[in-house]
Amino acid sequence: MTLEKKRILIAKPGLDGHDVGAKVIALALRDAGAEVIYTGLRRSPEQIVRIAVDEDVDMLGLSILSGSHNELAASVIERLRREDAGDIKVFVGGTIPDEDFAALRAAGVSGIFTSEMTIASVIAEIESQLS
């Protein structure tokens, strides 16, 4: 399976200014066939949800290195639901301790990707979720 005809938004919420990982994943998704939209740095949950809805994406990836992944992911998912866009799958990547996985999944996060994972395994999981 490829990601052809899939639209994926990669977003950098909050004040975190490090976006190398987000760009690496965006390029890997593009190389796998997806149409990728990248928000750039320092977007609010409101901005991210507006872009996701306006761009009619299939999936939304949040790149978070600031430690505020629980709050930011929950805020984005709640706003997606309020916009009747709760069907958009949300994954989170970044510096995420194992002990936070359960809270993220309970908030509605469909995938959690850390720096220990290979790009190939991240792409394979995203493909699986979108098939």
Foldseek 3Di string as FASTA:
>chain_A
DFQAPAEEEEEEEAQDQDCPVSVVLQVLNVVSHYHYHYDHYHDHLVRQLVCCVVVVGQEYEYEDAPPCVLVRLLSNLVVCVVVVNNNHAYEYEYDDDPVCVVSNVVSRHPYYYYPVDDSVVVNVSVVVVRD
